[in-house]
PDB file of N, CA and C in Angstrom:
ATOM      1  N   MET A   1      31.170  64.563 -23.179  1.00  0.00           N
ATOM      2  CA  MET A   1      32.134  63.415 -23.410  1.00  0.00           C
ATOM      3  C   MET A   1      33.178  63.742 -24.631  1.00  0.00           C
ATOM      4  N   ILE A   2      34.208  63.261 -24.298  1.00  0.00           N
ATOM      5  CA  ILE A   2      35.406  63.321 -25.412  1.00  0.00           C
ATOM      6  C   ILE A   2      35.657  61.963 -26.035  1.00  0.00           C
ATOM      7  N   GLN A   3      35.527  62.136 -27.238  1.00  0.00           N
ATOM      8  CA  GLN A   3      35.871  60.850 -27.980  1.00  0.00           C
ATOM      9  C   GLN A   3      37.389  60.974 -28.704  1.00  0.00           C
ATOM     10  N   VAL A   4      38.072  59.774 -28.308  1.00  0.00           N
ATOM     11  CA  VAL A   4      39.503  59.725 -28.625  1.00  0.00           C
ATOM     12  C   VAL A   4      39.483  59.110 -30.230  1.00  0.00           C
ATOM     13  N   THR A   5      39.970  59.871 -30.978  1.00  0.00           N
ATOM     14  CA  THR A   5      39.795  59.417 -32.543  1.00  0.00           C
ATOM     15  C   THR A   5      41.267  59.371 -32.989  1.00  0.00           C
ATOM     16  N   PRO A   6      41.411  58.648 -34.044  1.00  0.00           N
ATOM     17  CA  PRO A   6      42.946  58.456 -34.424  1.00  0.00           C
ATOM     18  C   PRO A   6      43.393  59.888 -35.000  1.00  0.00           C
ATOM     19  N   GLN A   7      42.703  60.752 -35.504  1.00  0.00           N
ATOM     20  CA  GLN A   7      43.075  62.169 -36.029  1.00  0.00           C
ATOM     21  C   GLN A   7      43.614  62.935 -34.819  1.00  0.00           C
ATOM     22  N   MET A   8      43.366  62.650 -33.683  1.00  0.00           N
ATOM     23  CA  MET A   8      43.742  63.640 -32.709  1.00  0.00           C
ATOM     24  C   MET A   8      45.303  63.520 -32.310  1.00  0.00           C
ATOM     25  N   ARG A   9      45.809  64.656 -32.183  1.00  0.00           N
ATOM     26  CA  ARG A   9      47.218  64.883 -31.889  1.00  0.00           C
ATOM     27  C   ARG A   9      47.466  64.927 -30.478  1.00  0.00           C
ATOM     28  N   ILE A  10      47.971  64.032 -30.010  1.00  0.00           N
ATOM     29  CA  ILE A  10      48.193  63.953 -28.498  1.00  0.00           C
ATOM     30  C   ILE A  10      49.474  64.166 -27.987  1.00  0.00           C
ATOM     31  N   LEU A  11      49.713  65.013 -27.057  1.00  0.00           N
ATOM     32  CA  LEU A  11      50.984  65.329 -26.364  1.00  0.00           C
ATOM     33  C   LEU A  11      51.059  64.791 -24.941  1.00  0.00           C
ATOM     34  N   VAL A  12      52.051  64.167 -24.571  1.00  0.00           N
ATOM     35  CA  VAL A  12      52.117  63.690 -23.069  1.00  0.00           C
ATOM     36  C   VAL A  12      53.183  64.522 -22.490  1.00  0.00           C
ATOM     37  N   ALA A  13      53.016  65.185 -21.376  1.00  0.00           N
ATOM     38  CA  ALA A  13      54.200  65.846 -20.472  1.00  0.00           C
ATOM     39  C   ALA A  13      54.928  64.785 -19.879  1.00  0.00           C
ATOM     40  N   VAL A  14      56.198  64.804 -20.072  1.00  0.00           N
ATOM     41  CA  VAL A  14      57.053  63.920 -19.365  1.00  0.00           C
ATOM     42  C   VAL A  14      57.270  64.147 -17.865  1.00  0.00           C
ATOM     43  N   GLU A  15      57.339  65.373 -17.378  1.00  0.00           N
ATOM     44  CA  GLU A  15      57.603  65.479 -16.168  1.00  0.00           C
ATOM     45  C   GLU A  15      56.105  65.771 -15.283  1.00  0.00           C
ATOM     46  N   PRO A  16      56.057  65.318 -14.162  1.00  0.00           N
ATOM     47  CA  PRO A  16      54.922  65.486 -13.277  1.00  0.00           C
ATOM     48  C   PRO A  16      54.451  66.919 -13.054  1.00  0.00           C
ATOM     49  N   VAL A  17      53.162  67.138 -12.982  1.00  0.00           N
ATOM     50  CA  VAL A  17      52.878  68.617 -12.633  1.00  0.00           C
ATOM     51  C   VAL A  17      51.980  68.633 -11.295  1.00  0.00           C
ATOM     52  N   ASP A  18      51.732  69.669 -10.606  1.00  0.00           N
ATOM     53  CA  ASP A  18      51.036  69.956  -9.575  1.00  0.00           C
ATOM     54  C   ASP A  18      49.524  69.774  -9.670  1.00  0.00           C
ATOM     55  N   PHE A  19      48.825  68.734  -9.239  1.00  0.00           N
ATOM     56  CA  PHE A  19      47.613  68.401  -9.497  1.00  0.00           C
ATOM     57  C   PHE A  19      46.592  69.291  -8.946  1.00  0.00           C
ATOM     58  N   ARG A  20      47.134  70.447  -8.161  1.00  0.00           N
ATOM     59  CA  ARG A  20      46.147  71.504  -7.608  1.00  0.00           C
ATOM     60  C   ARG A  20      45.895  72.534  -8.829  1.00  0.00           C
ATOM     61  N   CYS A  21      46.641  72.211  -9.966  1.00  0.00           N
ATOM     62  CA  CYS A  21      46.400  73.109 -10.983  1.00  0.00           C
ATOM     63  C   CYS A  21      44.972  72.760 -11.773  1.00  0.00           C
ATOM     64  N   GLY A  22      44.411  73.740 -12.055  1.00  0.00           N
ATOM     65  CA  GLY A  22      43.061  73.543 -12.938  1.00  0.00           C
ATOM     66  C   GLY A  22      43.224  73.824 -14.316  1.00  0.00           C
ATOM     67  N   ILE A  23      42.285  74.166 -14.943  1.00  0.00           N
ATOM     68  CA  ILE A  23      42.426  74.611 -16.552  1.00  0.00           C
ATOM     69  C   ILE A  23      43.504  75.716 -16.730  1.00  0.00           C
ATOM     70  N   ASP A  24      43.379  76.858 -15.847  1.00  0.00           N
ATOM     71  CA  ASP A  24      44.378  77.893 -16.180  1.00  0.00           C
ATOM     72  C   ASP A  24      45.617  77.443 -15.822  1.00  0.00           C
ATOM     73  N   GLY A  25      46.017  76.722 -14.746  1.00  0.00           N
ATOM     74  CA  GLY A  25      47.253  76.288 -14.511  1.00  0.00           C
ATOM     75  C   GLY A  25      47.889  75.453 -15.420  1.00  0.00           C
ATOM     76  N   LEU A  26      47.182  74.383 -15.944  1.00  0.00           N
ATOM     77  CA  LEU A  26      47.521  73.534 -16.948  1.00  0.00           C
ATOM     78  C   LEU A  26      47.851  74.382 -18.201  1.00  0.00           C
ATOM     79  N   SER A  27      46.975  75.102 -18.690  1.00  0.00           N
ATOM     80  CA  SER A  27      47.471  75.810 -19.975  1.00  0.00           C
ATOM     81  C   SER A  27      48.460  76.909 -19.819  1.00  0.00           C
ATOM     82  N   LYS A  28      48.929  77.205 -18.482  1.00  0.00           N
ATOM     83  CA  LYS A  28      50.160  78.035 -18.386  1.00  0.00           C
ATOM     84  C   LYS A  28      51.291  77.143 -18.543  1.00  0.00           C
ATOM     85  N   ILE A  29      51.314  75.925 -18.220  1.00  0.00           N
ATOM     86  CA  ILE A  29      52.169  74.892 -18.211  1.00  0.00           C
ATOM     87  C   ILE A  29      52.476  74.630 -19.651  1.00  0.00           C
ATOM     88  N   CYS A  30      51.482  74.650 -20.381  1.00  0.00           N
ATOM     89  CA  CYS A  30      51.691  74.362 -21.807  1.00  0.00           C
ATOM     90  C   CYS A  30      52.321  75.444 -22.317  1.00  0.00           C
ATOM     91  N   ARG A  31      52.022  76.559 -22.148  1.00  0.00           N
ATOM     92  CA  ARG A  31      52.781  77.756 -22.924  1.00  0.00           C
ATOM     93  C   ARG A  31      54.074  78.037 -22.260  1.00  0.00           C
ATOM     94  N   THR A  32      54.254  77.837 -21.054  1.00  0.00           N
ATOM     95  CA  THR A  32      55.487  78.308 -20.602  1.00  0.00           C
ATOM     96  C   THR A  32      56.774  77.260 -20.371  1.00  0.00           C
ATOM     97  N   ILE A  33      56.247  76.028 -20.067  1.00  0.00           N
ATOM     98  CA  ILE A  33      57.276  75.052 -19.860  1.00  0.00           C
ATOM     99  C   ILE A  33      57.243  74.032 -21.067  1.00  0.00           C
ATOM    100  N   LEU A  34      56.047  73.814 -21.553  1.00  0.00           N
ATOM    101  CA  LEU A  34      56.285  72.913 -22.581  1.00  0.00           C
ATOM    102  C   LEU A  34      56.342  73.713 -24.142  1.00  0.00           C
ATOM    103  N   LYS A  35      56.275  74.968 -24.045  1.00  0.00           N
ATOM    104  CA  LYS A  35      56.198  75.827 -25.226  1.00  0.00           C
ATOM    105  C   LYS A  35      55.360  75.335 -26.378  1.00  0.00           C
ATOM    106  N   THR A  36      54.144  75.205 -26.063  1.00  0.00           N
ATOM    107  CA  THR A  36      53.020  74.952 -27.162  1.00  0.00           C
ATOM    108  C   THR A  36      51.885  75.594 -26.763  1.00  0.00           C
ATOM    109  N   ASP A  37      51.057  75.748 -27.673  1.00  0.00           N
ATOM    110  CA  ASP A  37      49.777  76.641 -27.642  1.00  0.00           C
ATOM    111  C   ASP A  37      48.749  75.812 -27.166  1.00  0.00           C
ATOM    112  N   PRO A  38      48.195  76.102 -25.904  1.00  0.00           N
ATOM    113  CA  PRO A  38      47.135  75.349 -25.378  1.00  0.00           C
ATOM    114  C   PRO A  38      45.809  75.543 -26.412  1.00  0.00           C
ATOM    115  N   PHE A  39      45.727  76.419 -27.083  1.00  0.00           N
ATOM    116  CA  PHE A  39      44.342  76.550 -28.070  1.00  0.00           C
ATOM    117  C   PHE A  39      44.570  75.797 -29.219  1.00  0.00           C
ATOM    118  N   SER A  40      45.761  74.998 -29.574  1.00  0.00           N
ATOM    119  CA  SER A  40      46.038  74.343 -30.716  1.00  0.00           C
ATOM    120  C   SER A  40      45.231  73.167 -30.972  1.00  0.00           C
ATOM    121  N   GLY A  41      44.502  72.618 -30.252  1.00  0.00           N
ATOM    122  CA  GLY A  41      43.730  71.353 -30.581  1.00  0.00           C
ATOM    123  C   GLY A  41      44.499  70.211 -30.090  1.00  0.00           C
ATOM    124  N   TYR A  42      45.631  70.502 -29.616  1.00  0.00           N
ATOM    125  CA  TYR A  42      46.168  69.143 -29.175  1.00  0.00           C
ATOM    126  C   TYR A  42      45.652  68.715 -27.842  1.00  0.00           C
ATOM    127  N   VAL A  43      45.602  67.292 -27.740  1.00  0.00           N
ATOM    128  CA  VAL A  43      45.357  66.705 -26.511  1.00  0.00           C
ATOM    129  C   VAL A  43      46.372  66.666 -25.530  1.00  0.00           C
ATOM    130  N   PHE A  44      46.438  67.220 -24.333  1.00  0.00           N
ATOM    131  CA  PHE A  44      47.802  67.340 -23.410  1.00  0.00           C
ATOM    132  C   PHE A  44      47.465  66.385 -22.331  1.00  0.00           C
ATOM    133  N   VAL A  45      48.441  65.520 -22.079  1.00  0.00           N
ATOM    134  CA  VAL A  45      48.190  64.432 -21.034  1.00  0.00           C
ATOM    135  C   VAL A  45      49.214  64.828 -20.041  1.00  0.00           C
ATOM    136  N   PHE A  46      48.807  64.935 -18.729  1.00  0.00           N
ATOM    137  CA  PHE A  46      49.617  65.212 -17.583  1.00  0.00           C
ATOM    138  C   PHE A  46      49.559  64.189 -16.642  1.00  0.00           C
ATOM    139  N   ARG A  47      50.552  63.858 -15.679  1.00  0.00           N
ATOM    140  CA  ARG A  47      50.581  63.104 -14.471  1.00  0.00           C
ATOM    141  C   ARG A  47      50.888  63.775 -13.199  1.00  0.00           C
ATOM    142  N   ASN A  48      50.393  63.122 -12.098  1.00  0.00           N
ATOM    143  CA  ASN A  48      50.921  63.542 -10.872  1.00  0.00           C
ATOM    144  C   ASN A  48      52.440  62.908 -10.557  1.00  0.00           C
ATOM    145  N   LYS A  49      52.993  63.158  -9.385  1.00  0.00           N
ATOM    146  CA  LYS A  49      54.243  62.817  -9.047  1.00  0.00           C
ATOM    147  C   LYS A  49      54.410  61.181  -8.629  1.00  0.00           C
ATOM    148  N   ARG A  50      53.241  60.913  -8.072  1.00  0.00           N
ATOM    149  CA  ARG A  50      53.166  59.405  -7.672  1.00  0.00           C
ATOM    150  C   ARG A  50      52.731  58.370  -8.892  1.00  0.00           C
ATOM    151  N   LYS A  51      52.349  59.010  -9.905  1.00  0.00           N
ATOM    152  CA  LYS A  51      51.963  58.325 -11.086  1.00  0.00           C
ATOM    153  C   LYS A  51      50.703  57.512 -10.832  1.00  0.00           C
ATOM    154  N   THR A  52      49.796  57.900  -9.853  1.00  0.00           N
ATOM    155  CA  THR A  52      48.567  57.350  -9.699  1.00  0.00           C
ATOM    156  C   THR A  52      47.446  58.183 -10.346  1.00  0.00           C
ATOM    157  N   SER A  53      47.740  59.239 -10.916  1.00  0.00           N
ATOM    158  CA  SER A  53      46.575  60.151 -11.712  1.00  0.00           C
ATOM    159  C   SER A  53      47.024  60.724 -13.035  1.00  0.00           C
ATOM    160  N   ILE A  54      46.036  60.823 -13.840  1.00  0.00           N
ATOM    161  CA  ILE A  54      46.392  61.602 -14.877  1.00  0.00           C
ATOM    162  C   ILE A  54      45.269  62.497 -15.133  1.00  0.00           C
ATOM    163  N   LYS A  55      45.659  63.704 -15.910  1.00  0.00           N
ATOM    164  CA  LYS A  55      44.852  64.822 -16.321  1.00  0.00           C
ATOM    165  C   LYS A  55      44.847  64.886 -17.776  1.00  0.00           C
ATOM    166  N   ILE A  56      43.899  65.282 -18.564  1.00  0.00           N
ATOM    167  CA  ILE A  56      43.739  65.417 -19.936  1.00  0.00           C
ATOM    168  C   ILE A  56      43.353  66.781 -20.194  1.00  0.00           C
ATOM    169  N   LEU A  57      43.853  67.630 -20.948  1.00  0.00           N
ATOM    170  CA  LEU A  57      43.498  68.975 -21.178  1.00  0.00           C
ATOM    171  C   LEU A  57      43.252  69.266 -22.763  1.00  0.00           C
ATOM    172  N   VAL A  58      42.060  69.503 -23.053  1.00  0.00           N
ATOM    173  CA  VAL A  58      42.125  69.718 -24.711  1.00  0.00           C
ATOM    174  C   VAL A  58      41.025  71.034 -25.005  1.00  0.00           C
ATOM    175  N   TYR A  59      41.382  71.804 -25.718  1.00  0.00           N
ATOM    176  CA  TYR A  59      40.528  73.146 -26.125  1.00  0.00           C
ATOM    177  C   TYR A  59      39.856  72.515 -27.493  1.00  0.00           C
ATOM    178  N   ASP A  60      38.677  72.608 -27.528  1.00  0.00           N
ATOM    179  CA  ASP A  60      37.660  72.191 -28.449  1.00  0.00           C
ATOM    180  C   ASP A  60      37.123  73.272 -29.622  1.00  0.00           C
ATOM    181  N   GLY A  61      37.525  74.535 -29.543  1.00  0.00           N
ATOM    182  CA  GLY A  61      37.164  75.464 -30.376  1.00  0.00           C
ATOM    183  C   GLY A  61      36.240  76.416 -29.607  1.00  0.00           C
ATOM    184  N   GLN A  62      35.569  76.105 -28.594  1.00  0.00           N
ATOM    185  CA  GLN A  62      34.649  76.615 -27.827  1.00  0.00           C
ATOM    186  C   GLN A  62      34.916  76.943 -26.226  1.00  0.00           C
ATOM    187  N   GLY A  63      35.777  76.015 -25.931  1.00  0.00           N
ATOM    188  CA  GLY A  63      36.269  75.976 -24.575  1.00  0.00           C
ATOM    189  C   GLY A  63      37.022  74.777 -24.035  1.00  0.00           C
ATOM    190  N   TYR A  64      37.547  74.760 -22.933  1.00  0.00           N
ATOM    191  CA  TYR A  64      38.488  73.801 -22.499  1.00  0.00           C
ATOM    192  C   TYR A  64      37.765  72.616 -21.734  1.00  0.00           C
ATOM    193  N   TRP A  65      38.324  71.367 -22.078  1.00  0.00           N
ATOM    194  CA  TRP A  65      37.699  70.332 -21.459  1.00  0.00           C
ATOM    195  C   TRP A  65      39.052  69.896 -20.343  1.00  0.00           C
ATOM    196  N   ILE A  66      38.645  69.508 -19.334  1.00  0.00           N
ATOM    197  CA  ILE A  66      39.440  68.670 -18.456  1.00  0.00           C
ATOM    198  C   ILE A  66      39.195  67.421 -18.008  1.00  0.00           C
ATOM    199  N   CYS A  67      39.780  66.432 -18.040  1.00  0.00           N
ATOM    200  CA  CYS A  67      39.267  65.182 -17.472  1.00  0.00           C
ATOM    201  C   CYS A  67      40.583  64.632 -16.549  1.00  0.00           C
ATOM    202  N   GLN A  68      39.961  63.785 -15.527  1.00  0.00           N
ATOM    203  CA  GLN A  68      41.058  63.357 -14.487  1.00  0.00           C
ATOM    204  C   GLN A  68      40.679  61.921 -14.280  1.00  0.00           C
ATOM    205  N   LYS A  69      41.654  60.945 -14.209  1.00  0.00           N
ATOM    206  CA  LYS A  69      41.516  59.588 -13.781  1.00  0.00           C
ATOM    207  C   LYS A  69      42.476  59.442 -12.654  1.00  0.00           C
ATOM    208  N   ARG A  70      42.184  58.650 -11.602  1.00  0.00           N
ATOM    209  CA  ARG A  70      42.934  58.372 -10.425  1.00  0.00           C
ATOM    210  C   ARG A  70      42.700  56.990 -10.329  1.00  0.00           C
ATOM    211  N   LEU A  71      43.710  56.263 -10.281  1.00  0.00           N
ATOM    212  CA  LEU A  71      43.898  54.786 -10.149  1.00  0.00           C
ATOM    213  C   LEU A  71      43.543  54.423  -8.361  1.00  0.00           C
ATOM    214  N   SER A  72      42.608  53.411  -8.144  1.00  0.00           N
ATOM    215  CA  SER A  72      42.650  52.914  -6.760  1.00  0.00           C
ATOM    216  C   SER A  72      43.565  52.064  -6.332  1.00  0.00           C
ATOM    217  N   GLU A  73      44.329  51.534  -7.673  1.00  0.00           N
ATOM    218  CA  GLU A  73      45.391  50.558  -7.453  1.00  0.00           C
ATOM    219  C   GLU A  73      46.444  50.673  -8.472  1.00  0.00           C
ATOM    220  N   GLY A  74      47.606  50.397  -8.376  1.00  0.00           N
ATOM    221  CA  GLY A  74      48.564  50.527  -9.137  1.00  0.00           C
ATOM    222  C   GLY A  74      49.118  51.929  -9.680  1.00  0.00           C
ATOM    223  N   ARG A  75      49.938  51.949 -10.626  1.00  0.00           N
ATOM    224  CA  ARG A  75      50.549  53.128 -11.199  1.00  0.00           C
ATOM    225  C   ARG A  75      50.504  53.264 -12.703  1.00  0.00           C
ATOM    226  N   PHE A  76      50.303  54.454 -13.087  1.00  0.00           N
ATOM    227  CA  PHE A  76      50.559  54.694 -14.700  1.00  0.00           C
ATOM    228  C   PHE A  76      51.907  54.466 -15.000  1.00  0.00           C
ATOM    229  N   ASN A  77      52.652  53.575 -15.720  1.00  0.00           N
ATOM    230  CA  ASN A  77      53.827  53.103 -16.017  1.00  0.00           C
ATOM    231  C   ASN A  77      54.345  53.728 -17.363  1.00  0.00           C
ATOM    232  N   TYR A  78      53.656  54.346 -17.974  1.00  0.00           N
ATOM    233  CA  TYR A  78      54.053  54.751 -19.408  1.00  0.00           C
ATOM    234  C   TYR A  78      55.322  55.601 -19.215  1.00  0.00           C
ATOM    235  N   TRP A  79      55.345  56.727 -18.330  1.00  0.00           N
ATOM    236  CA  TRP A  79      56.377  57.595 -18.332  1.00  0.00           C
ATOM    237  C   TRP A  79      57.766  57.480 -18.062  1.00  0.00           C
ATOM    238  N   VAL A  80      58.712  57.742 -18.868  1.00  0.00           N
ATOM    239  CA  VAL A  80      60.064  57.623 -18.760  1.00  0.00           C
ATOM    240  C   VAL A  80      60.654  58.889 -18.931  1.00  0.00           C
ATOM    241  N   GLU A  81      61.116  59.624 -17.744  1.00  0.00           N
ATOM    242  CA  GLU A  81      61.887  60.601 -17.851  1.00  0.00           C
ATOM    243  C   GLU A  81      63.222  60.621 -18.471  1.00  0.00           C
ATOM    244  N   ASN A  82      63.382  61.377 -19.517  1.00  0.00           N
ATOM    245  CA  ASN A  82      64.536  61.092 -20.623  1.00  0.00           C
ATOM    246  C   ASN A  82      65.285  62.306 -21.045  1.00  0.00           C
ATOM    247  N   GLY A  83      66.319  62.735 -20.279  1.00  0.00           N
ATOM    248  CA  GLY A  83      67.194  63.992 -20.550  1.00  0.00           C
ATOM    249  C   GLY A  83      66.080  65.229 -20.560  1.00  0.00           C
ATOM    250  N   ASN A  84      66.374  66.013 -21.856  1.00  0.00           N
ATOM    251  CA  ASN A  84      65.783  67.275 -21.790  1.00  0.00           C
ATOM    252  C   ASN A  84      64.280  67.151 -22.627  1.00  0.00           C
ATOM    253  N   GLU A  85      63.966  66.060 -22.811  1.00  0.00           N
ATOM    254  CA  GLU A  85      62.722  65.913 -23.548  1.00  0.00           C
ATOM    255  C   GLU A  85      61.542  66.362 -22.599  1.00  0.00           C
ATOM    256  N   ARG A  86      60.721  67.131 -23.133  1.00  0.00           N
ATOM    257  CA  ARG A  86      59.584  67.675 -22.055  1.00  0.00           C
ATOM    258  C   ARG A  86      58.102  66.979 -22.829  1.00  0.00           C
ATOM    259  N   LEU A  87      58.001  66.519 -24.001  1.00  0.00           N
ATOM    260  CA  LEU A  87      56.899  66.124 -24.496  1.00  0.00           C
ATOM    261  C   LEU A  87      57.064  64.829 -25.281  1.00  0.00           C
ATOM    262  N   LYS A  88      56.163  63.998 -25.364  1.00  0.00           N
ATOM    263  CA  LYS A  88      56.118  62.976 -26.176  1.00  0.00           C
ATOM    264  C   LYS A  88      54.883  62.700 -26.966  1.00  0.00           C
ATOM    265  N   ARG A  89      54.883  62.266 -28.189  1.00  0.00           N
ATOM    266  CA  ARG A  89      53.767  62.048 -29.058  1.00  0.00           C
ATOM    267  C   ARG A  89      53.225  60.825 -28.708  1.00  0.00           C
ATOM    268  N   LEU A  90      51.734  60.665 -28.706  1.00  0.00           N
ATOM    269  CA  LEU A  90      50.927  59.429 -28.501  1.00  0.00           C
ATOM    270  C   LEU A  90      49.998  59.285 -29.513  1.00  0.00           C
ATOM    271  N   ALA A  91      49.879  58.127 -29.918  1.00  0.00           N
ATOM    272  CA  ALA A  91      48.778  57.541 -30.937  1.00  0.00           C
ATOM    273  C   ALA A  91      47.451  57.615 -29.985  1.00  0.00           C
ATOM    274  N   ALA A  92      46.287  57.579 -30.815  1.00  0.00           N
ATOM    275  CA  ALA A  92      44.851  57.562 -30.076  1.00  0.00           C
ATOM    276  C   ALA A  92      44.897  56.293 -29.368  1.00  0.00           C
ATOM    277  N   HIS A  93      45.246  54.944 -29.825  1.00  0.00           N
ATOM    278  CA  HIS A  93      45.099  53.886 -29.410  1.00  0.00           C
ATOM    279  C   HIS A  93      45.915  53.595 -28.051  1.00  0.00           C
ATOM    280  N   GLU A  94      47.190  54.382 -27.970  1.00  0.00           N
ATOM    281  CA  GLU A  94      47.917  54.384 -26.681  1.00  0.00           C
ATOM    282  C   GLU A  94      47.224  54.873 -25.800  1.00  0.00           C
ATOM    283  N   LEU A  95      46.616  56.207 -26.049  1.00  0.00           N
ATOM    284  CA  LEU A  95      45.948  57.043 -24.906  1.00  0.00           C
ATOM    285  C   LEU A  95      44.711  56.183 -24.455  1.00  0.00           C
ATOM    286  N   GLN A  96      44.061  55.363 -25.293  1.00  0.00           N
ATOM    287  CA  GLN A  96      43.070  54.542 -24.795  1.00  0.00           C
ATOM    288  C   GLN A  96      43.818  53.586 -23.813  1.00  0.00           C
ATOM    289  N   LEU A  97      44.878  53.021 -24.229  1.00  0.00           N
ATOM    290  CA  LEU A  97      45.247  51.899 -23.286  1.00  0.00           C
ATOM    291  C   LEU A  97      45.683  52.581 -21.960  1.00  0.00           C
ATOM    292  N   MET A  98      46.282  53.803 -22.072  1.00  0.00           N
ATOM    293  CA  MET A  98      46.676  54.358 -20.941  1.00  0.00           C
ATOM    294  C   MET A  98      45.524  54.790 -19.999  1.00  0.00           C
ATOM    295  N   ILE A  99      44.376  55.183 -20.584  1.00  0.00           N
ATOM    296  CA  ILE A  99      43.232  55.276 -19.781  1.00  0.00           C
ATOM    297  C   ILE A  99      42.729  54.217 -19.045  1.00  0.00           C
ATOM    298  N   TRP A 100      42.879  53.107 -19.566  1.00  0.00           N
ATOM    299  CA  TRP A 100      42.501  51.614 -18.918  1.00  0.00           C
ATOM    300  C   TRP A 100      43.652  51.160 -18.162  1.00  0.00           C
ATOM    301  N   ASN A 101      44.714  51.858 -17.954  1.00  0.00           N
ATOM    302  CA  ASN A 101      45.779  51.443 -17.193  1.00  0.00           C
ATOM    303  C   ASN A 101      46.600  50.064 -17.950  1.00  0.00           C
ATOM    304  N   GLY A 102      46.443  50.190 -19.195  1.00  0.00           N
ATOM    305  CA  GLY A 102      47.241  49.129 -19.839  1.00  0.00           C
ATOM    306  C   GLY A 102      48.768  49.529 -20.088  1.00  0.00           C
ATOM    307  N   ASP A 103      49.563  48.581 -20.245  1.00  0.00           N
ATOM    308  CA  ASP A 103      51.081  48.729 -20.503  1.00  0.00           C
ATOM    309  C   ASP A 103      51.117  48.677 -21.930  1.00  0.00           C
ATOM    310  N   ILE A 104      51.374  50.049 -22.485  1.00  0.00           N
ATOM    311  CA  ILE A 104      51.569  50.421 -23.838  1.00  0.00           C
ATOM    312  C   ILE A 104      52.708  49.909 -24.380  1.00  0.00           C
ATOM    313  N   LYS A 105      53.792  49.642 -23.662  1.00  0.00           N
ATOM    314  CA  LYS A 105      55.011  49.090 -24.308  1.00  0.00           C
ATOM    315  C   LYS A 105      55.091  47.510 -24.424  1.00  0.00           C
ATOM    316  N   SER A 106      53.989  46.941 -23.898  1.00  0.00           N
ATOM    317  CA  SER A 106      54.105  45.362 -24.091  1.00  0.00           C
ATOM    318  C   SER A 106      53.029  44.732 -24.945  1.00  0.00           C
ATOM    319  N   VAL A 107      52.175  45.881 -25.540  1.00  0.00           N
ATOM    320  CA  VAL A 107      50.923  45.537 -26.205  1.00  0.00           C
ATOM    321  C   VAL A 107      51.368  45.497 -27.683  1.00  0.00           C
ATOM    322  N   ASN A 108      51.030  44.605 -28.550  1.00  0.00           N
ATOM    323  CA  ASN A 108      51.264  44.127 -29.792  1.00  0.00           C
ATOM    324  C   ASN A 108      50.003  44.745 -30.719  1.00  0.00           C
ATOM    325  N   VAL A 109      50.249  45.750 -31.408  1.00  0.00           N
ATOM    326  CA  VAL A 109      49.338  46.446 -32.187  1.00  0.00           C
ATOM    327  C   VAL A 109      49.743  46.353 -33.696  1.00  0.00           C
ATOM    328  N   ALA A 110      48.935  46.409 -34.576  1.00  0.00           N
ATOM    329  CA  ALA A 110      49.392  46.670 -35.884  1.00  0.00           C
ATOM    330  C   ALA A 110      50.036  48.016 -36.195  1.00  0.00           C
ATOM    331  N   PRO A 111      50.911  47.948 -37.068  1.00  0.00           N
ATOM    332  CA  PRO A 111      51.812  49.259 -37.317  1.00  0.00           C
ATOM    333  C   PRO A 111      51.024  50.185 -37.963  1.00  0.00           C
ATOM    334  N   LEU A 112      51.180  51.535 -37.862  1.00  0.00           N
ATOM    335  CA  LEU A 112      50.399  52.532 -38.314  1.00  0.00           C
ATOM    336  C   LEU A 112      50.796  52.358 -39.842  1.00  0.00           C
ATOM    337  N   TRP A 113      50.009  52.789 -40.764  1.00  0.00           N
ATOM    338  CA  TRP A 113      50.106  52.809 -42.202  1.00  0.00           C
ATOM    339  C   TRP A 113      50.891  54.195 -42.412  1.00  0.00           C
ATOM    340  N   LYS A 114      50.638  55.101 -41.635  1.00  0.00           N
ATOM    341  CA  LYS A 114      50.815  56.638 -42.057  1.00  0.00           C
ATOM    342  C   LYS A 114      51.383  56.939 -40.635  1.00  0.00           C
ATOM    343  N   ASP A 115      52.516  57.552 -40.724  1.00  0.00           N
ATOM    344  CA  ASP A 115      53.348  58.047 -39.383  1.00  0.00           C
ATOM    345  C   ASP A 115      52.696  59.403 -38.961  1.00  0.00           C
ATOM    346  N   ILE A 116      52.280  59.430 -37.612  1.00  0.00           N
ATOM    347  CA  ILE A 116      51.526  60.547 -37.133  1.00  0.00           C
ATOM    348  C   ILE A 116      52.655  61.882 -36.747  1.00  0.00           C
ATOM    349  N   LYS A 117      52.317  62.845 -37.719  1.00  0.00           N
ATOM    350  CA  LYS A 117      53.147  64.135 -37.538  1.00  0.00           C
ATOM    351  C   LYS A 117      52.181  65.062 -37.459  1.00  0.00           C
ATOM    352  N   ASN A 118      52.458  66.155 -37.260  1.00  0.00           N
ATOM    353  CA  ASN A 118      51.546  67.411 -36.988  1.00  0.00           C
ATOM    354  C   ASN A 118      50.306  67.049 -37.802  1.00  0.00           C
TER     355      ASN A 118
END
């Protein structure tokens, strides 16, 4: 089980990926398209084209974890494809909302007392 903690560095891929990809395919996307190191400890979040499913990839120091959630109804509405941007940062509470298919944009939460940077 993966626990989402406030210290996690979470990156969301803006463009959809082919969900036939497994660990090797998603880590290759991290290296080649997103220009990040899949061994960095970042939590990578991907979506399919129809926005009905997300995959989460993370390396924990010993191996990869991959998790998938597919909605039976509705869509993940977080993604906004914006120009050249390939990645967006996400806070832990936002990832938790996303996993539960909440609307990240409309939820009022307390502001972070410390900005999340690397």
